[in-house]
Amino acid sequence: MAEAFGLYLILTDPVAGYEACAAAAVRCGVRYLQLRMKGVPRDVFLAMARALRRTTFGSDTLLIVNDDVEVARDAGADGVHLGQDDLPLAEARLAWPAPGRRFGLSTHDERQARRAAREAPDYIGVGPVFATPTKATPDPVLGLERMGAIIRSSAVTAVAIGGIDHVNLVHVLRAGATNFAVVRAVNRRPDPEAAIRELQRIWRQVFRQD
């Protein structure tokens, strides 16, 4: 059954600091918190993953590590998120067979989403919905209509991603997304808790949970 949790927060170079953002996510009850640190040494990545694991441990917030299943395993994270060019999902599961771990997979078009459904990850990312500078080589923009169609046809939990912020979130939700990931909308804000709560407020209003 698809999960409906709303905000999925990805941490990449947050101006308030990784640990402060993670603590804010825990206070706000964010379900998924992903650590994404590109181009850093493995020991730096692992040390930060372990620090965030200490912050999230015992809370309702699941810590996901981007790309690297070994760092996720060694940090005791709750799961790993894989891109299309990362370790295949089946191999990642063999490398980390611990029960209860979450495996996410990025998808960028209808074909990838259909293939992902056969591999049965715990969730898929669907995007980019809008243009975003967070990737050196960005994938083609889907737009709202294609995003909505892919999400509605997905047999697994889907998370819209790519350029989503406080301004356009309502359109993303009304186009068919239930869950959404953000990067800059929180990472670029000096008060991450205020940014998170604003996004959650919009989500609750659209789904009438206020």
Foldseek 3Di string as FASTA:
>chain_A
DADQQAEAEEEEQFPQDDLLLLLLCQVVLRQEYEYDYPPDDLVVLLVSLLSSCVNCPPTNHFYEYEQDLVSCVVSVGQEYEHEPPGDDPVVSCVVPVDPRHFYEYEDEAQVRLVVVLVVDGQEYEYADCDADPPDPDDDDGQHLQRSQVSCVPHPHHYEYEHPDALVCVLVNVVSHHSYYYDYCQQRVDNNNNVSVVSSVVSSCVSVVND
